N, C-alpha and C. Protein backbone atom coordinates (compact mmCIF):
# COMPACT_ATOMS: atom_id res chain seq x y z
N LYS A 1 89.85 -3.96 283.24
CA LYS A 1 89.69 -5.98 283.06
C LYS A 1 89.54 -6.46 284.68
N ILE A 2 88.76 -7.49 284.44
CA ILE A 2 88.86 -8.06 285.80
C ILE A 2 89.12 -9.65 285.29
N PRO A 3 89.63 -10.68 286.08
CA PRO A 3 89.57 -12.15 285.72
C PRO A 3 88.36 -12.58 284.89
N GLY A 4 88.70 -13.15 283.88
CA GLY A 4 87.70 -14.01 283.41
C GLY A 4 86.68 -13.17 282.33
N LYS A 5 87.23 -11.97 282.27
CA LYS A 5 86.48 -11.01 281.50
C LYS A 5 87.19 -10.07 280.61
N GLY A 6 86.78 -9.81 279.35
CA GLY A 6 87.55 -9.35 278.47
C GLY A 6 87.73 -7.59 279.07
N HIS A 7 88.53 -6.97 278.48
CA HIS A 7 88.49 -5.48 278.60
C HIS A 7 87.08 -4.65 278.66
N GLU A 8 86.65 -3.82 279.26
CA GLU A 8 85.41 -2.92 279.26
C GLU A 8 85.78 -1.79 279.58
N THR A 9 85.19 -0.75 278.64
CA THR A 9 85.73 0.67 278.62
C THR A 9 84.50 1.59 279.22
N ILE A 10 84.69 2.21 279.89
CA ILE A 10 83.60 3.24 280.52
C ILE A 10 84.13 4.59 280.71
N PHE A 11 83.26 5.66 280.12
CA PHE A 11 83.64 7.18 279.89
C PHE A 11 82.59 7.39 281.20
N TYR A 12 82.85 8.72 281.59
CA TYR A 12 81.90 9.17 282.49
C TYR A 12 81.85 10.89 282.59
N ASN A 13 80.95 11.11 282.98
CA ASN A 13 81.01 13.03 282.86
C ASN A 13 81.68 13.45 284.04
N ASN A 14 81.45 14.63 284.40
CA ASN A 14 82.05 15.14 285.44
C ASN A 14 81.38 15.35 286.77
N LEU A 15 80.05 14.60 286.66
CA LEU A 15 79.23 14.13 287.66
C LEU A 15 79.25 12.72 288.17
N ASP A 16 80.46 12.25 287.51
CA ASP A 16 80.78 10.64 287.76
C ASP A 16 80.10 9.70 287.63
N GLN A 17 79.22 10.31 286.19
CA GLN A 17 78.16 9.26 285.98
C GLN A 17 78.68 8.58 284.93
N PRO A 18 78.37 7.07 284.59
CA PRO A 18 78.57 6.48 283.41
C PRO A 18 77.97 6.96 282.35
N ILE A 19 78.39 7.39 281.31
CA ILE A 19 77.60 7.60 280.01
C ILE A 19 77.74 7.09 279.00
N LEU A 20 79.01 6.40 278.85
CA LEU A 20 79.30 5.53 277.59
C LEU A 20 79.92 4.22 277.98
N THR A 21 79.73 2.98 277.71
CA THR A 21 80.19 1.56 278.14
C THR A 21 80.14 0.92 276.75
N GLN A 22 81.55 0.26 276.96
CA GLN A 22 81.72 -0.99 275.90
C GLN A 22 82.16 -2.08 276.44
N ASP A 23 81.70 -3.48 276.28
CA ASP A 23 82.57 -4.53 276.67
C ASP A 23 83.04 -5.16 275.48
N ALA A 24 83.42 -6.49 275.82
CA ALA A 24 84.42 -7.05 274.90
C ALA A 24 83.85 -7.69 273.53
N ASN A 25 82.06 -7.77 273.91
CA ASN A 25 81.56 -8.42 272.97
C ASN A 25 81.14 -7.22 271.91
N MET A 26 80.77 -6.19 272.62
CA MET A 26 80.43 -4.89 271.37
C MET A 26 81.53 -4.72 270.85
N ARG A 27 82.64 -4.69 271.18
CA ARG A 27 84.07 -4.14 270.69
C ARG A 27 84.25 -5.30 269.65
N ASN A 28 84.03 -6.49 269.71
CA ASN A 28 84.46 -7.42 268.69
C ASN A 28 83.32 -7.46 267.61
N GLU A 29 82.20 -7.10 267.72
CA GLU A 29 81.21 -7.30 266.99
C GLU A 29 81.41 -5.49 266.23
N THR A 30 81.43 -4.62 267.02
CA THR A 30 81.68 -3.06 266.03
C THR A 30 82.52 -2.46 267.05
N ALA A 31 83.90 -2.11 266.48
CA ALA A 31 84.61 -1.27 267.52
C ALA A 31 84.40 0.04 267.73
N ASN A 32 83.30 0.73 267.12
CA ASN A 32 83.11 2.15 267.47
C ASN A 32 81.37 1.78 268.07
N LYS A 33 80.91 0.73 268.40
CA LYS A 33 79.77 0.96 269.16
C LYS A 33 79.72 1.18 270.71
N TYR A 34 78.93 1.89 271.32
CA TYR A 34 78.67 2.08 272.49
C TYR A 34 77.29 1.81 272.93
N LEU A 35 77.38 1.38 274.41
CA LEU A 35 75.93 2.00 275.16
C LEU A 35 76.22 3.18 275.55
N PHE A 36 75.28 3.97 275.33
CA PHE A 36 74.74 5.18 276.00
C PHE A 36 74.01 5.74 277.17
N THR A 37 74.04 6.23 278.10
CA THR A 37 72.92 6.73 279.08
C THR A 37 73.04 8.02 279.49
N LYS A 38 71.55 8.83 279.24
CA LYS A 38 71.59 9.91 279.34
C LYS A 38 70.71 10.25 280.67
N TYR A 39 70.79 11.36 281.65
CA TYR A 39 70.24 11.18 283.16
C TYR A 39 69.45 12.45 282.65
N ASP A 40 68.52 12.57 283.61
CA ASP A 40 67.86 14.18 283.92
C ASP A 40 68.48 14.84 284.75
N ALA A 41 67.83 15.95 285.76
CA ALA A 41 68.51 16.97 286.47
C ALA A 41 68.73 16.25 288.20
N LEU A 42 68.02 15.16 288.17
CA LEU A 42 67.97 14.66 289.63
C LEU A 42 69.10 13.36 289.29
N GLY A 43 69.81 13.17 288.33
CA GLY A 43 70.42 11.78 288.16
C GLY A 43 69.66 10.56 287.77
N ARG A 44 68.89 10.47 287.29
CA ARG A 44 67.57 9.46 287.20
C ARG A 44 67.95 9.06 285.61
N VAL A 45 67.55 8.19 285.20
CA VAL A 45 68.24 7.44 283.90
C VAL A 45 66.61 7.79 282.75
N ALA A 46 67.30 8.81 281.83
CA ALA A 46 66.06 9.37 281.28
C ALA A 46 65.81 8.54 280.08
N TYR A 47 67.07 8.08 279.04
CA TYR A 47 66.90 7.42 278.08
C TYR A 47 68.54 6.23 277.94
N THR A 48 68.21 5.38 277.40
CA THR A 48 69.44 4.94 277.06
C THR A 48 69.46 4.15 275.43
N GLY A 49 70.82 3.81 274.81
CA GLY A 49 70.92 3.26 273.82
C GLY A 49 72.27 2.90 273.16
N PHE A 50 72.40 2.61 271.87
CA PHE A 50 73.51 2.53 271.45
C PHE A 50 74.10 4.03 270.60
N TYR A 51 75.35 4.34 270.99
CA TYR A 51 75.89 5.36 270.17
C TYR A 51 77.04 4.56 269.20
N THR A 52 77.12 5.12 267.80
CA THR A 52 78.09 5.05 267.08
C THR A 52 78.70 5.87 266.96
N ALA A 53 80.29 5.64 267.25
CA ALA A 53 81.29 6.56 267.15
C ALA A 53 82.10 6.85 265.91
N THR A 54 82.11 7.63 265.17
CA THR A 54 83.00 7.91 263.91
C THR A 54 84.27 8.37 264.27
N ILE A 55 85.04 8.46 265.60
CA ILE A 55 86.15 8.17 265.92
C ILE A 55 86.71 7.54 267.04
N GLY A 56 87.94 7.46 267.14
CA GLY A 56 88.36 6.70 267.97
C GLY A 56 88.35 6.87 269.52
N GLN A 57 88.64 5.96 270.30
CA GLN A 57 88.41 6.02 272.16
C GLN A 57 89.22 7.28 272.35
N GLN A 58 90.44 7.60 271.84
CA GLN A 58 91.45 8.74 272.52
C GLN A 58 90.70 10.18 272.07
N SER A 59 89.92 10.09 270.97
CA SER A 59 89.02 10.99 270.41
C SER A 59 87.63 11.15 271.06
N ILE A 60 87.42 10.00 271.25
CA ILE A 60 86.04 10.30 272.21
C ILE A 60 86.14 11.04 273.39
N GLN A 61 87.22 10.79 274.10
CA GLN A 61 87.82 11.32 275.31
C GLN A 61 88.19 12.68 275.25
N ASP A 62 88.74 12.89 274.24
CA ASP A 62 89.17 14.70 273.75
C ASP A 62 87.98 15.37 273.60
N SER A 63 87.10 14.67 272.81
CA SER A 63 85.64 15.21 272.77
C SER A 63 84.85 15.36 273.80
N LEU A 64 84.68 14.70 274.62
CA LEU A 64 84.00 14.57 275.85
C LEU A 64 84.16 15.48 276.53
N GLN A 65 85.79 15.64 276.74
CA GLN A 65 86.27 16.51 277.81
C GLN A 65 86.05 17.92 277.40
N PHE A 66 85.97 17.89 276.12
CA PHE A 66 85.77 19.56 275.32
C PHE A 66 84.21 19.90 275.78
N ASN A 67 83.30 18.99 275.11
CA ASN A 67 81.82 19.31 275.77
C ASN A 67 81.78 19.56 277.01
N LEU A 68 82.48 19.00 278.16
CA LEU A 68 82.12 19.01 279.43
C LEU A 68 82.33 20.75 279.84
N GLU A 69 83.75 20.78 279.36
CA GLU A 69 84.53 22.01 279.64
C GLU A 69 83.50 23.28 278.74
N VAL A 70 83.02 23.27 277.72
CA VAL A 70 82.44 24.52 276.72
C VAL A 70 81.05 24.16 277.36
N ASN A 71 80.04 23.43 277.28
CA ASN A 71 78.80 23.95 277.73
C ASN A 71 78.61 22.98 278.90
N ARG A 72 79.36 22.48 279.77
CA ARG A 72 78.70 21.54 280.83
C ARG A 72 77.45 20.86 281.11
N THR A 73 76.97 21.00 280.02
CA THR A 73 75.50 20.09 279.98
C THR A 73 75.71 18.43 280.21
N ASN A 74 75.38 18.04 281.85
CA ASN A 74 75.38 16.76 281.94
C ASN A 74 73.81 16.05 282.13
N TYR A 75 72.73 16.70 281.72
CA TYR A 75 71.56 16.52 282.07
C TYR A 75 70.51 16.93 280.82
N GLU A 76 69.50 16.01 280.81
CA GLU A 76 68.29 16.12 279.71
C GLU A 76 67.39 16.74 280.61
N ILE A 77 66.57 17.77 279.91
CA ILE A 77 65.34 18.55 280.22
C ILE A 77 64.18 17.78 279.73
N GLN A 78 63.48 17.37 280.59
CA GLN A 78 62.05 16.57 280.09
C GLN A 78 61.09 17.52 279.77
N LYS A 79 60.41 17.08 278.31
CA LYS A 79 59.63 18.34 277.86
C LYS A 79 57.96 17.73 278.07
N THR A 80 57.16 18.72 277.83
CA THR A 80 56.17 18.97 277.83
C THR A 80 55.31 18.18 276.35
N THR A 81 54.37 18.05 276.23
CA THR A 81 53.57 17.69 274.98
C THR A 81 53.41 18.91 274.25
N ALA A 82 53.17 19.86 275.03
CA ALA A 82 53.05 21.27 274.24
C ALA A 82 54.36 21.66 273.59
N GLN A 83 55.43 21.37 274.59
CA GLN A 83 56.95 21.42 273.38
C GLN A 83 57.35 20.79 272.48
N GLY A 84 56.60 19.71 272.65
CA GLY A 84 57.02 18.64 271.56
C GLY A 84 58.27 17.94 271.68
N ALA A 85 58.31 16.78 271.15
CA ALA A 85 59.28 15.72 271.11
C ALA A 85 60.67 16.25 270.41
N THR A 86 62.05 15.45 270.80
CA THR A 86 62.84 15.89 270.05
C THR A 86 63.13 14.19 269.16
N GLN A 87 63.54 14.65 267.96
CA GLN A 87 63.64 13.19 267.21
C GLN A 87 65.30 12.87 267.39
N ILE A 88 65.32 11.89 267.68
CA ILE A 88 66.71 11.12 267.78
C ILE A 88 66.68 9.68 267.26
N GLY A 89 67.39 10.10 265.89
CA GLY A 89 67.61 8.53 265.02
C GLY A 89 65.75 8.26 264.54
N ASP A 90 65.31 7.56 264.41
CA ASP A 90 64.13 7.05 264.33
C ASP A 90 63.34 7.12 265.51
N THR A 91 63.65 7.85 266.67
CA THR A 91 62.53 7.78 267.56
C THR A 91 61.90 8.88 268.23
N GLN A 92 61.05 9.53 268.38
CA GLN A 92 60.81 10.58 269.06
C GLN A 92 60.59 10.56 270.41
N VAL A 93 61.41 11.47 271.31
CA VAL A 93 61.85 11.63 272.75
C VAL A 93 61.08 12.65 273.37
N PHE A 94 60.67 12.52 274.33
CA PHE A 94 60.12 14.01 274.92
C PHE A 94 61.19 14.51 275.95
N TYR A 95 62.53 14.41 275.89
CA TYR A 95 63.50 15.08 276.37
C TYR A 95 64.48 15.82 275.69
N SER A 96 65.14 16.78 275.94
CA SER A 96 66.20 17.38 275.16
C SER A 96 67.30 16.28 274.77
N ASN A 97 67.98 16.68 273.86
CA ASN A 97 69.43 16.00 273.43
C ASN A 97 70.92 16.69 273.25
N SER A 98 70.96 17.18 274.55
CA SER A 98 72.09 18.42 274.86
C SER A 98 73.73 17.66 275.40
N SER A 99 73.42 16.77 276.38
CA SER A 99 74.10 15.59 276.73
C SER A 99 75.04 15.10 275.62
N TYR A 100 76.47 14.78 275.86
CA TYR A 100 77.07 14.08 275.15
C TYR A 100 76.87 12.44 275.25
N PRO A 101 76.51 11.67 274.60
CA PRO A 101 76.83 11.85 273.07
C PRO A 101 75.57 12.40 272.57
N SER A 102 75.38 13.34 271.38
CA SER A 102 74.15 13.98 271.02
C SER A 102 73.81 13.63 269.57
N ASN A 103 74.65 12.74 268.62
CA ASN A 103 74.46 12.24 267.27
C ASN A 103 74.90 11.00 267.06
N ASN A 104 74.04 10.25 266.30
CA ASN A 104 74.29 8.83 265.93
C ASN A 104 74.04 8.04 266.91
N LEU A 105 72.66 8.22 267.31
CA LEU A 105 72.19 7.29 268.53
C LEU A 105 71.19 6.67 267.89
N GLU A 106 70.74 5.41 268.83
CA GLU A 106 69.78 4.72 268.79
C GLU A 106 68.81 4.59 269.72
N VAL A 107 67.97 4.80 270.11
CA VAL A 107 67.53 4.87 271.43
C VAL A 107 66.51 3.58 271.86
N LEU A 108 66.96 2.73 273.05
CA LEU A 108 66.70 1.62 273.12
C LEU A 108 65.32 1.79 274.47
N THR A 109 65.86 2.60 275.51
CA THR A 109 64.99 2.88 276.68
C THR A 109 64.44 3.84 276.90
N ILE A 110 63.17 4.37 277.34
CA ILE A 110 63.25 5.78 277.55
C ILE A 110 62.22 5.35 279.07
N ASN A 111 62.73 6.38 279.93
CA ASN A 111 62.01 6.60 281.28
C ASN A 111 61.43 8.12 281.36
N TYR A 112 60.30 7.84 281.73
CA TYR A 112 59.46 9.36 282.43
C TYR A 112 59.26 9.58 283.67
N TYR A 113 59.41 10.41 284.17
CA TYR A 113 59.05 10.63 285.85
C TYR A 113 58.42 11.99 285.97
N ASP A 114 57.27 11.77 286.96
CA ASP A 114 57.02 13.39 287.76
C ASP A 114 55.61 13.78 286.83
N ARG A 115 55.55 13.39 285.72
CA ARG A 115 54.27 13.57 284.51
C ARG A 115 54.10 12.21 283.77
N TYR A 116 52.85 12.53 283.34
CA TYR A 116 52.66 11.38 282.52
C TYR A 116 52.77 12.08 280.59
N ILE A 117 53.19 11.62 280.29
CA ILE A 117 53.78 11.68 278.90
C ILE A 117 53.80 10.73 277.71
N ASP A 118 53.76 10.85 276.61
CA ASP A 118 54.28 9.57 276.01
C ASP A 118 53.88 8.33 275.83
N TYR A 119 52.17 8.11 276.16
CA TYR A 119 52.15 6.48 276.38
C TYR A 119 51.03 6.55 275.41
N GLY A 120 50.48 7.30 274.52
CA GLY A 120 49.77 6.72 273.26
C GLY A 120 48.46 6.83 273.43
N VAL A 121 48.25 8.09 274.28
CA VAL A 121 46.82 8.79 274.12
C VAL A 121 46.01 8.85 273.12
N GLY A 122 45.00 8.49 272.84
CA GLY A 122 44.06 8.74 271.50
C GLY A 122 44.54 7.74 270.59
N GLY A 123 45.56 6.80 270.63
CA GLY A 123 45.87 5.84 269.57
C GLY A 123 44.92 4.67 269.53
N SER A 124 44.69 3.82 268.92
CA SER A 124 43.73 2.62 268.92
C SER A 124 44.36 1.48 270.12
N ASN A 125 45.56 1.66 270.55
CA ASN A 125 46.37 0.91 271.57
C ASN A 125 46.90 1.63 272.81
N GLY A 126 46.42 3.14 272.59
CA GLY A 126 47.03 3.90 273.81
C GLY A 126 46.62 3.54 275.11
N LEU A 127 47.76 3.54 275.97
CA LEU A 127 47.37 3.25 277.32
C LEU A 127 46.41 4.35 278.21
N VAL A 128 45.70 3.98 279.07
CA VAL A 128 44.60 4.66 279.56
C VAL A 128 45.14 4.85 281.27
N LEU A 129 44.96 6.08 281.80
CA LEU A 129 45.30 6.61 283.11
C LEU A 129 44.12 6.78 283.65
N PRO A 130 43.45 5.79 284.63
CA PRO A 130 42.35 6.08 285.18
C PRO A 130 42.30 7.15 286.29
N THR A 131 41.05 7.24 286.55
CA THR A 131 40.78 8.29 287.47
C THR A 131 40.74 7.32 289.01
N SER A 132 40.41 6.29 288.99
CA SER A 132 40.10 5.30 290.13
C SER A 132 40.43 3.75 289.59
N VAL A 133 40.91 2.88 290.81
CA VAL A 133 40.78 1.60 290.60
C VAL A 133 40.10 0.85 291.45
N TYR A 134 39.09 -0.04 290.47
CA TYR A 134 38.25 -0.84 290.98
C TYR A 134 36.73 0.31 291.30
N ASP A 135 36.42 0.71 290.26
CA ASP A 135 35.45 1.77 290.41
C ASP A 135 34.41 1.84 291.46
N GLN A 136 33.98 0.54 291.78
CA GLN A 136 32.79 0.23 292.96
C GLN A 136 33.72 1.08 294.22
N HIS A 137 34.73 1.08 294.55
CA HIS A 137 35.27 1.41 295.68
C HIS A 137 35.99 3.01 295.49
N THR A 138 35.56 4.03 296.07
CA THR A 138 36.13 5.25 295.91
C THR A 138 36.70 5.92 296.96
N THR A 139 37.27 5.07 297.86
CA THR A 139 38.11 5.15 298.97
C THR A 139 39.70 5.93 298.64
N GLU A 140 40.27 6.65 299.43
CA GLU A 140 41.48 7.31 299.58
C GLU A 140 42.34 6.27 298.59
N ASN A 141 42.57 5.30 298.65
CA ASN A 141 43.46 4.49 298.47
C ASN A 141 43.04 3.66 297.07
N THR A 142 41.89 4.00 296.62
CA THR A 142 41.68 3.39 294.99
C THR A 142 41.56 4.54 294.02
N LEU A 143 42.03 5.75 294.66
CA LEU A 143 42.06 7.03 293.61
C LEU A 143 43.18 7.40 293.17
N VAL A 144 43.31 7.73 291.77
CA VAL A 144 44.72 7.48 291.39
C VAL A 144 45.03 9.18 291.57
N THR A 145 46.27 9.16 292.04
CA THR A 145 46.57 11.02 292.22
C THR A 145 47.47 11.28 290.92
N THR A 146 47.54 12.46 290.84
CA THR A 146 48.07 13.35 289.61
C THR A 146 48.93 13.88 290.01
N THR A 147 49.48 13.92 291.32
CA THR A 147 50.64 14.21 292.18
C THR A 147 51.81 13.45 292.42
N THR A 148 52.35 13.35 290.95
CA THR A 148 53.37 12.01 290.97
C THR A 148 54.83 12.92 290.85
N GLN A 149 55.14 13.89 291.74
CA GLN A 149 56.74 14.39 291.52
C GLN A 149 57.32 13.34 292.03
N GLY A 150 58.58 13.38 291.49
CA GLY A 150 59.38 12.17 292.06
C GLY A 150 59.28 10.78 291.84
N LEU A 151 57.89 10.57 291.00
CA LEU A 151 57.60 9.12 290.95
C LEU A 151 58.14 8.58 289.30
N PRO A 152 58.03 7.31 288.93
CA PRO A 152 58.58 7.17 287.45
C PRO A 152 56.93 7.21 287.08
N THR A 153 56.56 7.10 285.98
CA THR A 153 55.31 7.17 285.33
C THR A 153 54.94 6.39 284.26
N VAL A 154 56.06 6.67 283.20
CA VAL A 154 56.08 5.74 281.87
C VAL A 154 57.40 5.78 281.63
N SER A 155 57.42 4.47 281.03
CA SER A 155 58.89 3.84 280.49
C SER A 155 58.53 3.04 279.25
N ARG A 156 59.35 3.32 278.29
CA ARG A 156 59.38 2.69 277.03
C ARG A 156 60.30 1.75 276.58
N VAL A 157 60.20 0.46 275.80
CA VAL A 157 61.38 -0.22 276.00
C VAL A 157 61.41 -0.69 274.56
N ARG A 158 62.23 -0.80 273.60
CA ARG A 158 62.31 -0.93 271.97
C ARG A 158 62.55 -2.54 272.00
N VAL A 159 61.64 -2.91 270.97
CA VAL A 159 61.88 -4.71 270.61
C VAL A 159 63.08 -4.45 269.24
N LEU A 160 64.05 -4.98 269.98
CA LEU A 160 64.96 -5.27 268.86
C LEU A 160 64.73 -5.85 267.44
N GLY A 161 65.18 -5.43 266.73
CA GLY A 161 65.11 -5.92 265.13
C GLY A 161 64.09 -6.12 264.42
N GLN A 162 63.08 -4.90 264.74
CA GLN A 162 61.78 -4.51 264.12
C GLN A 162 61.69 -3.34 263.12
N THR A 163 61.04 -3.45 261.96
CA THR A 163 61.05 -2.35 261.21
C THR A 163 59.71 -2.36 260.69
N PRO A 164 58.90 -1.11 260.84
CA PRO A 164 59.12 0.00 261.72
C PRO A 164 59.75 -0.69 263.17
N VAL A 165 59.53 0.44 263.95
CA VAL A 165 60.22 0.29 265.20
C VAL A 165 59.00 0.14 266.01
N LYS A 166 58.80 -0.74 266.92
CA LYS A 166 57.85 -1.17 268.14
C LYS A 166 58.36 -1.16 269.44
N TRP A 167 57.55 -0.97 270.28
CA TRP A 167 57.86 -0.78 271.44
C TRP A 167 56.94 -1.74 272.40
N ILE A 168 57.55 -1.83 273.90
CA ILE A 168 56.86 -2.03 274.72
C ILE A 168 56.60 -0.73 275.84
N THR A 169 55.18 -0.14 275.69
CA THR A 169 55.18 0.72 276.76
C THR A 169 54.51 0.74 278.19
N SER A 170 54.58 0.95 279.03
CA SER A 170 54.19 0.83 280.23
C SER A 170 53.99 2.12 281.09
N LEU A 171 52.89 1.96 281.87
CA LEU A 171 52.51 3.21 282.30
C LEU A 171 52.07 2.96 283.96
N THR A 172 52.21 3.49 285.06
CA THR A 172 52.13 3.36 286.72
C THR A 172 51.03 4.33 287.13
N ALA A 173 50.38 4.25 287.93
CA ALA A 173 49.14 4.79 288.42
C ALA A 173 49.24 4.65 289.77
N TYR A 174 49.32 6.12 290.73
CA TYR A 174 49.42 6.04 292.23
C TYR A 174 48.53 6.47 292.69
N ASP A 175 48.38 6.00 294.31
CA ASP A 175 47.34 6.69 295.10
C ASP A 175 48.01 7.91 295.51
N SER A 176 47.26 8.55 296.60
CA SER A 176 47.55 9.82 297.18
C SER A 176 48.92 9.47 298.29
N ARG A 177 49.32 8.44 298.42
CA ARG A 177 50.45 7.98 299.35
C ARG A 177 51.47 7.76 298.34
N GLY A 178 51.38 7.75 297.31
CA GLY A 178 52.56 7.47 296.28
C GLY A 178 52.67 5.76 295.96
N ARG A 179 51.77 4.86 296.49
CA ARG A 179 51.74 3.89 296.36
C ARG A 179 51.54 3.43 294.65
N ALA A 180 52.25 2.59 294.03
CA ALA A 180 51.50 1.93 292.80
C ALA A 180 50.10 1.19 293.18
N ILE A 181 49.00 1.53 292.42
CA ILE A 181 48.20 0.80 292.49
C ILE A 181 47.27 0.36 290.84
N TYR A 182 48.39 0.55 290.22
CA TYR A 182 47.73 0.40 288.64
C TYR A 182 48.90 0.27 287.80
N SER A 183 48.89 -0.65 286.80
CA SER A 183 49.76 -0.54 285.89
C SER A 183 49.27 -1.07 284.45
N ASP A 184 49.81 -0.47 283.44
CA ASP A 184 49.13 -0.78 281.88
C ASP A 184 50.39 -1.05 281.19
N SER A 185 50.43 -2.15 280.45
CA SER A 185 51.41 -2.13 279.86
C SER A 185 51.25 -2.98 278.41
N TYR A 186 51.71 -2.24 277.23
CA TYR A 186 51.39 -2.65 275.93
C TYR A 186 52.35 -3.22 275.15
N ASN A 187 52.52 -4.33 274.36
CA ASN A 187 53.62 -5.19 273.55
C ASN A 187 52.78 -4.79 272.33
N GLU A 188 53.51 -3.68 271.52
CA GLU A 188 53.32 -3.77 270.02
C GLU A 188 53.66 -4.82 269.14
N TYR A 189 54.64 -5.03 269.44
CA TYR A 189 54.78 -6.27 268.75
C TYR A 189 54.26 -7.94 268.86
N LEU A 190 53.75 -8.19 270.23
CA LEU A 190 52.91 -9.49 270.38
C LEU A 190 51.65 -8.86 270.16
N ASP A 191 51.08 -7.52 269.93
CA ASP A 191 49.82 -7.09 269.84
C ASP A 191 48.85 -7.52 271.42
N SER A 192 49.80 -7.17 272.36
CA SER A 192 49.43 -7.80 273.73
C SER A 192 48.97 -6.75 274.84
N ARG A 193 48.38 -6.74 275.65
CA ARG A 193 48.12 -6.00 276.68
C ARG A 193 48.12 -6.57 277.91
N ASP A 194 48.65 -6.07 278.98
CA ASP A 194 48.60 -6.28 280.40
C ASP A 194 48.11 -5.38 281.38
N ILE A 195 47.29 -5.55 282.54
CA ILE A 195 46.99 -4.57 282.75
C ILE A 195 46.77 -5.37 284.29
N HIS A 196 47.47 -4.30 285.41
CA HIS A 196 47.42 -4.90 287.16
C HIS A 196 46.66 -3.95 287.82
N ARG A 197 45.78 -4.28 288.60
CA ARG A 197 45.03 -3.54 289.62
C ARG A 197 45.60 -3.61 291.18
N SER A 198 45.81 -3.18 292.17
CA SER A 198 45.73 -3.40 293.56
C SER A 198 44.84 -2.46 294.16
N LYS A 199 44.86 -2.71 295.60
CA LYS A 199 44.57 -1.90 296.59
C LYS A 199 44.80 -2.20 298.14
């Protein structure tokens, strides 16, 4: 607790990464509701959302400790389209769901790295990954690279309070030097789309 602010509870995994947080407002609204964060093997945020606990804080701590001691799973593994998505609540995520917590989850944000996945290919409003930006110029800095290891590629953010679930999905494309030269974002709720090109 810090002055002028209510108590905040934070649970960490054994890599000292915060995986559950609850501030005073969340505790007043629903005592067993927490924000969760899941990471990939490189410590990057994979997906986040709400976790509704069915047990008290001490039991969460005991359960977390048990989970870390038994299977020592601290991160999620990104899946390919061929491997298929994992169903988490009402959302399909191209990550595993092995680290704590793994049930009673509502996904709010998803971040993909290294490869392009889950951006709506083939759908009527699917984002498009171009082969070049400003097609009239085919210089090195306008060609889109598929070598995106270590780079953020696709992100999805839930629009709150919508049934069925609606998302804002964004895709970023890079040149051969890893510089972002193109972004495409579709807001399912507003049915709007933003495309930015640079060179």
